[in-house]
Amino acid sequence: MTMFFDPFRELDRVAGTLLDRRESPRLMPMDVYRDGDHYVLTADLPGVDPGSVDVDVDGQLLTIRAERTPRSQEGVQWLTRERPAGTYLRQLTLGKDLDTEGISAHYENGVLSVMIPVLEKAKPRKIAVETVGNRAEVTA
């Protein structure tokens, strides 16, 4: 029995297996900005069940997990399927000047918002400048 070997087809198969995005965590685009005495992180998670969203902090590591389950309907023949289902994962290392105990989050209309307060000691503050009214002159 003879076998036909196509190196390009084999390379495409191997690359497809290695780069299969269905098994890897999904892209979670996010913005982070500072608003006064706290940081705000917003992440796009369209179509994600709010019950699957998990935000936790361990030391200085903030982890966001969420899952979009695929829609499965009996007898449906998909023509195209571009909205990925699967797990979303993002981890961020937080600075030492952030209040990890005061972090809060809410999910609305497919957007997760996480508020991260700044510790009191790290907030900008005004330093009073003292002046000396009578300055003694030193002579040698």
N, C-alpha and C. Protein backbone atom coordinates (compact mmCIF):
# COMPACT_ATOMS: atom_id res chain seq x y z
N MET A 1 0.85 -1.17 0.00
CA MET A 1 0.00 0.00 0.00
C MET A 1 0.90 1.23 0.00
N THR A 2 0.70 2.11 -0.92
CA THR A 2 1.49 3.33 -0.97
C THR A 2 0.74 4.46 -0.29
N MET A 3 1.52 5.34 0.34
CA MET A 3 0.92 6.49 1.03
C MET A 3 1.48 7.76 0.40
N PHE A 4 0.63 8.71 0.21
CA PHE A 4 1.04 9.99 -0.31
C PHE A 4 1.33 10.92 0.86
N PHE A 5 2.53 11.50 0.91
CA PHE A 5 2.91 12.39 1.99
C PHE A 5 3.04 13.81 1.45
N ASP A 6 2.22 14.70 1.95
CA ASP A 6 2.28 16.12 1.57
C ASP A 6 2.85 16.89 2.76
N PRO A 7 4.11 17.36 2.67
CA PRO A 7 4.71 18.03 3.82
C PRO A 7 3.98 19.32 4.21
N PHE A 8 3.42 20.01 3.24
CA PHE A 8 2.71 21.26 3.56
C PHE A 8 1.41 20.98 4.31
N ARG A 9 0.71 19.94 3.91
CA ARG A 9 -0.52 19.57 4.61
C ARG A 9 -0.21 19.12 6.04
N GLU A 10 0.89 18.37 6.20
CA GLU A 10 1.29 17.90 7.53
C GLU A 10 1.70 19.08 8.40
N LEU A 11 2.44 20.04 7.83
CA LEU A 11 2.84 21.23 8.57
C LEU A 11 1.61 22.03 9.00
N ASP A 12 0.64 22.16 8.12
CA ASP A 12 -0.60 22.88 8.44
C ASP A 12 -1.36 22.17 9.55
N ARG A 13 -1.39 20.84 9.50
CA ARG A 13 -2.08 20.07 10.55
C ARG A 13 -1.41 20.26 11.90
N VAL A 14 -0.08 20.18 11.93
CA VAL A 14 0.67 20.34 13.19
C VAL A 14 0.49 21.74 13.74
N ALA A 15 0.62 22.75 12.86
CA ALA A 15 0.45 24.14 13.31
C ALA A 15 -0.97 24.37 13.83
N GLY A 16 -1.95 23.80 13.17
CA GLY A 16 -3.34 23.93 13.62
C GLY A 16 -3.56 23.31 14.99
N THR A 17 -2.92 22.19 15.23
CA THR A 17 -3.03 21.53 16.53
C THR A 17 -2.36 22.36 17.62
N LEU A 18 -1.17 22.86 17.32
CA LEU A 18 -0.43 23.65 18.32
C LEU A 18 -1.07 25.00 18.61
N LEU A 19 -1.68 25.59 17.60
CA LEU A 19 -2.23 26.93 17.75
C LEU A 19 -3.74 26.94 17.88
N ASP A 20 -4.32 25.81 18.22
CA ASP A 20 -5.77 25.71 18.37
C ASP A 20 -6.24 26.62 19.48
N ARG A 21 -6.95 27.67 19.13
CA ARG A 21 -7.39 28.68 20.09
C ARG A 21 -8.58 28.21 20.93
N ARG A 22 -9.20 27.12 20.55
CA ARG A 22 -10.36 26.67 21.32
C ARG A 22 -9.99 26.23 22.72
N GLU A 23 -8.76 25.75 22.89
CA GLU A 23 -8.34 25.24 24.19
C GLU A 23 -7.67 26.30 25.06
N SER A 24 -7.23 27.40 24.46
CA SER A 24 -6.51 28.42 25.22
C SER A 24 -7.48 29.47 25.76
N PRO A 25 -7.08 30.20 26.79
CA PRO A 25 -7.94 31.27 27.29
C PRO A 25 -8.22 32.32 26.23
N ARG A 26 -9.39 32.88 26.26
CA ARG A 26 -9.82 33.86 25.27
C ARG A 26 -9.28 35.25 25.60
N LEU A 27 -9.23 36.08 24.58
CA LEU A 27 -8.79 37.46 24.73
C LEU A 27 -9.80 38.24 25.54
N MET A 28 -9.32 38.98 26.51
CA MET A 28 -10.17 39.82 27.35
C MET A 28 -9.62 41.25 27.27
N PRO A 29 -10.08 42.04 26.27
CA PRO A 29 -9.56 43.40 26.17
C PRO A 29 -9.95 44.22 27.40
N MET A 30 -9.01 45.05 27.86
CA MET A 30 -9.31 45.83 29.05
C MET A 30 -8.63 47.19 29.00
N ASP A 31 -9.16 48.11 29.78
CA ASP A 31 -8.59 49.44 29.98
C ASP A 31 -8.37 49.62 31.47
N VAL A 32 -7.31 50.33 31.83
CA VAL A 32 -7.06 50.66 33.23
C VAL A 32 -6.72 52.15 33.28
N TYR A 33 -7.36 52.87 34.19
CA TYR A 33 -7.07 54.28 34.36
C TYR A 33 -7.21 54.66 35.83
N ARG A 34 -6.57 55.78 36.19
CA ARG A 34 -6.67 56.27 37.56
C ARG A 34 -7.68 57.40 37.59
N ASP A 35 -8.57 57.34 38.55
CA ASP A 35 -9.59 58.36 38.74
C ASP A 35 -9.54 58.79 40.20
N GLY A 36 -8.76 59.84 40.47
CA GLY A 36 -8.63 60.33 41.84
C GLY A 36 -7.85 59.36 42.70
N ASP A 37 -8.51 58.84 43.74
CA ASP A 37 -7.83 57.98 44.70
C ASP A 37 -8.08 56.48 44.47
N HIS A 38 -8.44 56.12 43.24
CA HIS A 38 -8.58 54.70 42.92
C HIS A 38 -8.31 54.47 41.42
N TYR A 39 -8.00 53.21 41.10
CA TYR A 39 -7.84 52.79 39.72
C TYR A 39 -9.11 52.08 39.30
N VAL A 40 -9.44 52.19 38.02
CA VAL A 40 -10.60 51.52 37.47
C VAL A 40 -10.12 50.63 36.32
N LEU A 41 -10.47 49.36 36.40
CA LEU A 41 -10.17 48.40 35.36
C LEU A 41 -11.50 48.02 34.71
N THR A 42 -11.61 48.17 33.40
CA THR A 42 -12.81 47.73 32.70
C THR A 42 -12.39 46.68 31.67
N ALA A 43 -13.12 45.57 31.66
CA ALA A 43 -12.81 44.47 30.75
C ALA A 43 -14.07 44.08 29.98
N ASP A 44 -13.91 43.89 28.69
CA ASP A 44 -15.02 43.47 27.84
C ASP A 44 -15.21 41.97 27.92
N LEU A 45 -16.41 41.56 28.34
CA LEU A 45 -16.77 40.14 28.41
C LEU A 45 -18.17 39.94 27.83
N PRO A 46 -18.36 40.22 26.55
CA PRO A 46 -19.70 40.12 25.97
C PRO A 46 -20.21 38.69 25.95
N GLY A 47 -21.47 38.54 26.28
CA GLY A 47 -22.11 37.23 26.22
C GLY A 47 -21.73 36.28 27.33
N VAL A 48 -21.01 36.77 28.33
CA VAL A 48 -20.58 35.92 29.45
C VAL A 48 -21.67 35.92 30.51
N ASP A 49 -21.98 34.74 31.03
CA ASP A 49 -22.93 34.61 32.12
C ASP A 49 -22.36 35.28 33.36
N PRO A 50 -23.07 36.25 33.97
CA PRO A 50 -22.55 36.93 35.16
C PRO A 50 -22.17 35.98 36.29
N GLY A 51 -22.82 34.83 36.38
CA GLY A 51 -22.51 33.87 37.43
C GLY A 51 -21.16 33.19 37.24
N SER A 52 -20.60 33.27 36.03
CA SER A 52 -19.31 32.63 35.78
C SER A 52 -18.14 33.58 36.01
N VAL A 53 -18.42 34.85 36.24
CA VAL A 53 -17.35 35.83 36.44
C VAL A 53 -16.79 35.69 37.85
N ASP A 54 -15.47 35.54 37.94
CA ASP A 54 -14.80 35.37 39.22
C ASP A 54 -13.61 36.32 39.28
N VAL A 55 -13.60 37.17 40.29
CA VAL A 55 -12.49 38.09 40.52
C VAL A 55 -11.93 37.78 41.89
N ASP A 56 -10.63 37.48 41.95
CA ASP A 56 -10.02 37.24 43.26
C ASP A 56 -8.63 37.85 43.31
N VAL A 57 -8.19 38.08 44.53
CA VAL A 57 -6.86 38.64 44.74
C VAL A 57 -6.14 37.76 45.75
N ASP A 58 -4.90 37.43 45.42
CA ASP A 58 -4.07 36.61 46.28
C ASP A 58 -2.75 37.35 46.43
N GLY A 59 -2.58 37.98 47.59
CA GLY A 59 -1.41 38.84 47.77
C GLY A 59 -1.52 40.03 46.86
N GLN A 60 -0.62 40.15 45.90
CA GLN A 60 -0.65 41.26 44.95
C GLN A 60 -1.08 40.80 43.56
N LEU A 61 -1.62 39.57 43.43
CA LEU A 61 -2.03 39.03 42.14
C LEU A 61 -3.55 39.09 42.00
N LEU A 62 -4.03 39.89 41.05
CA LEU A 62 -5.46 39.99 40.75
C LEU A 62 -5.76 39.06 39.59
N THR A 63 -6.74 38.17 39.77
CA THR A 63 -7.10 37.21 38.73
C THR A 63 -8.56 37.41 38.36
N ILE A 64 -8.82 37.48 37.06
CA ILE A 64 -10.19 37.59 36.53
C ILE A 64 -10.42 36.37 35.66
N ARG A 65 -11.50 35.63 35.96
CA ARG A 65 -11.89 34.46 35.18
C ARG A 65 -13.35 34.60 34.80
N ALA A 66 -13.68 34.12 33.62
CA ALA A 66 -15.07 34.10 33.17
C ALA A 66 -15.21 33.03 32.11
N GLU A 67 -16.43 32.63 31.84
CA GLU A 67 -16.64 31.59 30.84
C GLU A 67 -17.88 31.90 30.00
N ARG A 68 -17.71 31.75 28.72
CA ARG A 68 -18.85 31.86 27.80
C ARG A 68 -19.13 30.45 27.29
N THR A 69 -20.32 29.96 27.56
CA THR A 69 -20.67 28.61 27.13
C THR A 69 -21.21 28.67 25.71
N PRO A 70 -20.87 27.67 24.91
CA PRO A 70 -21.35 27.67 23.53
C PRO A 70 -22.85 27.39 23.47
N ARG A 71 -23.48 28.01 22.51
CA ARG A 71 -24.91 27.73 22.29
C ARG A 71 -25.01 26.43 21.51
N SER A 72 -25.73 25.51 22.04
CA SER A 72 -25.90 24.24 21.33
C SER A 72 -27.38 24.03 21.07
N GLN A 73 -27.70 23.87 19.82
CA GLN A 73 -29.08 23.64 19.44
C GLN A 73 -29.12 22.41 18.54
N GLU A 74 -30.03 21.52 18.85
CA GLU A 74 -30.18 20.28 18.07
C GLU A 74 -30.57 20.61 16.64
N GLY A 75 -29.93 19.94 15.70
CA GLY A 75 -30.30 20.06 14.31
C GLY A 75 -29.86 21.34 13.62
N VAL A 76 -29.07 22.16 14.28
CA VAL A 76 -28.62 23.41 13.68
C VAL A 76 -27.35 23.15 12.89
N GLN A 77 -27.31 23.69 11.66
CA GLN A 77 -26.10 23.58 10.85
C GLN A 77 -25.45 24.96 10.83
N TRP A 78 -24.28 25.07 11.44
CA TRP A 78 -23.59 26.35 11.52
C TRP A 78 -22.97 26.69 10.17
N LEU A 79 -23.17 27.92 9.72
CA LEU A 79 -22.54 28.39 8.49
C LEU A 79 -21.22 29.09 8.80
N THR A 80 -21.21 29.81 9.90
CA THR A 80 -19.98 30.40 10.41
C THR A 80 -20.14 30.54 11.91
N ARG A 81 -19.03 30.43 12.61
CA ARG A 81 -19.07 30.52 14.07
C ARG A 81 -17.80 31.26 14.51
N GLU A 82 -17.91 32.59 14.64
CA GLU A 82 -16.76 33.43 14.95
C GLU A 82 -16.73 33.91 16.39
N ARG A 83 -17.82 33.78 17.11
CA ARG A 83 -17.87 34.20 18.51
C ARG A 83 -17.36 33.06 19.36
N PRO A 84 -16.15 33.18 19.88
CA PRO A 84 -15.55 32.05 20.59
C PRO A 84 -16.21 31.78 21.94
N ALA A 85 -16.37 30.53 22.24
CA ALA A 85 -16.82 30.11 23.57
C ALA A 85 -15.60 29.59 24.30
N GLY A 86 -15.67 29.57 25.60
CA GLY A 86 -14.56 29.05 26.38
C GLY A 86 -14.26 29.93 27.57
N THR A 87 -13.05 29.78 28.07
CA THR A 87 -12.64 30.44 29.29
C THR A 87 -11.85 31.71 28.99
N TYR A 88 -12.17 32.75 29.74
CA TYR A 88 -11.41 34.00 29.71
C TYR A 88 -10.58 34.05 30.99
N LEU A 89 -9.32 34.45 30.87
CA LEU A 89 -8.45 34.53 32.04
C LEU A 89 -7.50 35.70 31.86
N ARG A 90 -7.37 36.50 32.92
CA ARG A 90 -6.41 37.61 32.91
C ARG A 90 -5.87 37.75 34.32
N GLN A 91 -4.54 37.89 34.44
CA GLN A 91 -3.91 38.08 35.74
C GLN A 91 -3.05 39.33 35.69
N LEU A 92 -3.12 40.12 36.76
CA LEU A 92 -2.35 41.35 36.87
C LEU A 92 -1.65 41.39 38.22
N THR A 93 -0.43 41.86 38.21
CA THR A 93 0.29 42.05 39.47
C THR A 93 0.03 43.48 39.92
N LEU A 94 -0.50 43.63 41.13
CA LEU A 94 -0.83 44.94 41.68
C LEU A 94 0.36 45.51 42.43
N GLY A 95 0.46 46.82 42.42
CA GLY A 95 1.53 47.49 43.15
C GLY A 95 1.31 47.44 44.66
N LYS A 96 2.35 47.70 45.41
CA LYS A 96 2.28 47.65 46.88
C LYS A 96 1.44 48.79 47.46
N ASP A 97 1.24 49.86 46.72
CA ASP A 97 0.51 51.02 47.23
C ASP A 97 -1.00 50.94 46.99
N LEU A 98 -1.50 49.75 46.66
CA LEU A 98 -2.94 49.59 46.41
C LEU A 98 -3.59 48.84 47.56
N ASP A 99 -4.84 49.21 47.84
CA ASP A 99 -5.61 48.61 48.93
C ASP A 99 -6.32 47.36 48.42
N THR A 100 -5.67 46.21 48.53
CA THR A 100 -6.26 44.97 48.02
C THR A 100 -7.50 44.54 48.82
N GLU A 101 -7.62 45.02 50.05
CA GLU A 101 -8.80 44.69 50.87
C GLU A 101 -10.05 45.44 50.40
N GLY A 102 -9.87 46.58 49.74
CA GLY A 102 -11.00 47.42 49.35
C GLY A 102 -11.43 47.27 47.90
N ILE A 103 -10.94 46.25 47.20
CA ILE A 103 -11.29 46.07 45.79
C ILE A 103 -12.76 45.67 45.67
N SER A 104 -13.46 46.28 44.71
CA SER A 104 -14.85 45.93 44.43
C SER A 104 -15.03 45.78 42.93
N ALA A 105 -16.07 45.05 42.52
CA ALA A 105 -16.31 44.79 41.10
C ALA A 105 -17.79 44.70 40.82
N HIS A 106 -18.17 45.09 39.59
CA HIS A 106 -19.54 44.85 39.12
C HIS A 106 -19.52 44.58 37.62
N TYR A 107 -20.53 43.84 37.17
CA TYR A 107 -20.64 43.41 35.78
C TYR A 107 -21.97 43.90 35.24
N GLU A 108 -21.90 44.67 34.14
CA GLU A 108 -23.12 45.21 33.56
C GLU A 108 -22.96 45.34 32.05
N ASN A 109 -23.95 44.85 31.31
CA ASN A 109 -23.98 44.96 29.85
C ASN A 109 -22.70 44.43 29.19
N GLY A 110 -22.17 43.33 29.68
CA GLY A 110 -21.00 42.72 29.08
C GLY A 110 -19.67 43.36 29.44
N VAL A 111 -19.69 44.30 30.40
CA VAL A 111 -18.46 44.96 30.81
C VAL A 111 -18.25 44.75 32.31
N LEU A 112 -17.07 44.23 32.66
CA LEU A 112 -16.70 44.05 34.06
C LEU A 112 -15.91 45.28 34.48
N SER A 113 -16.29 45.90 35.59
CA SER A 113 -15.57 47.04 36.15
C SER A 113 -15.04 46.67 37.52
N VAL A 114 -13.74 46.87 37.71
CA VAL A 114 -13.10 46.57 38.98
C VAL A 114 -12.49 47.86 39.51
N MET A 115 -12.88 48.25 40.74
CA MET A 115 -12.34 49.45 41.38
C MET A 115 -11.28 49.03 42.39
N ILE A 116 -10.09 49.62 42.24
CA ILE A 116 -8.95 49.29 43.09
C ILE A 116 -8.50 50.55 43.80
N PRO A 117 -8.79 50.69 45.09
CA PRO A 117 -8.41 51.91 45.81
C PRO A 117 -6.90 51.99 46.08
N VAL A 118 -6.43 53.22 46.18
CA VAL A 118 -5.04 53.49 46.53
C VAL A 118 -4.96 53.62 48.05
N LEU A 119 -3.91 53.06 48.65
CA LEU A 119 -3.72 53.18 50.10
C LEU A 119 -3.56 54.65 50.48
N GLU A 120 -3.98 54.96 51.68
CA GLU A 120 -3.91 56.34 52.17
C GLU A 120 -2.48 56.88 52.13
N LYS A 121 -1.52 56.05 52.50
CA LYS A 121 -0.13 56.50 52.54
C LYS A 121 0.43 56.81 51.15
N ALA A 122 -0.20 56.28 50.10
CA ALA A 122 0.30 56.49 48.74
C ALA A 122 -0.41 57.65 48.02
N LYS A 123 -1.44 58.22 48.65
CA LYS A 123 -2.17 59.32 48.01
C LYS A 123 -1.33 60.59 48.04
N PRO A 124 -1.44 61.40 47.01
CA PRO A 124 -0.70 62.66 47.01
C PRO A 124 -1.17 63.54 48.17
N ARG A 125 -0.25 64.23 48.78
CA ARG A 125 -0.62 65.11 49.88
C ARG A 125 0.22 66.37 49.82
N LYS A 126 -0.27 67.39 50.43
CA LYS A 126 0.41 68.69 50.47
C LYS A 126 1.35 68.71 51.66
N ILE A 127 2.55 69.18 51.47
CA ILE A 127 3.55 69.32 52.52
C ILE A 127 3.62 70.79 52.90
N ALA A 128 3.41 71.06 54.17
CA ALA A 128 3.49 72.45 54.64
C ALA A 128 4.95 72.88 54.70
N VAL A 129 5.20 74.07 54.21
CA VAL A 129 6.55 74.62 54.25
C VAL A 129 6.60 75.64 55.37
N GLU A 130 7.48 75.38 56.32
CA GLU A 130 7.61 76.28 57.45
C GLU A 130 8.67 77.34 57.15
N THR A 131 8.44 78.51 57.68
CA THR A 131 9.42 79.59 57.51
C THR A 131 9.87 80.06 58.89
N VAL A 132 11.09 80.50 58.95
CA VAL A 132 11.65 81.01 60.20
C VAL A 132 11.63 82.52 60.09
N GLY A 133 10.91 83.18 61.04
CA GLY A 133 10.78 84.61 61.03
C GLY A 133 12.06 85.32 61.44
N ASN A 134 12.62 84.96 62.56
CA ASN A 134 13.85 85.59 63.06
C ASN A 134 14.98 84.61 62.93
N ARG A 135 15.86 84.94 62.05
CA ARG A 135 16.97 84.03 61.82
C ARG A 135 18.22 84.66 62.42
N ALA A 136 18.86 83.96 63.29
CA ALA A 136 20.07 84.49 63.92
C ALA A 136 21.25 84.34 62.98
N GLU A 137 22.07 85.38 62.93
CA GLU A 137 23.23 85.35 62.07
C GLU A 137 24.41 84.81 62.86
N VAL A 138 25.15 83.96 62.25
CA VAL A 138 26.30 83.36 62.93
C VAL A 138 27.56 84.03 62.39
N THR A 139 28.36 84.51 63.32
CA THR A 139 29.65 85.13 62.92
C THR A 139 30.78 84.30 63.47
N ALA A 140 31.85 84.29 62.74
CA ALA A 140 32.99 83.48 63.18
C ALA A 140 34.12 84.33 63.68
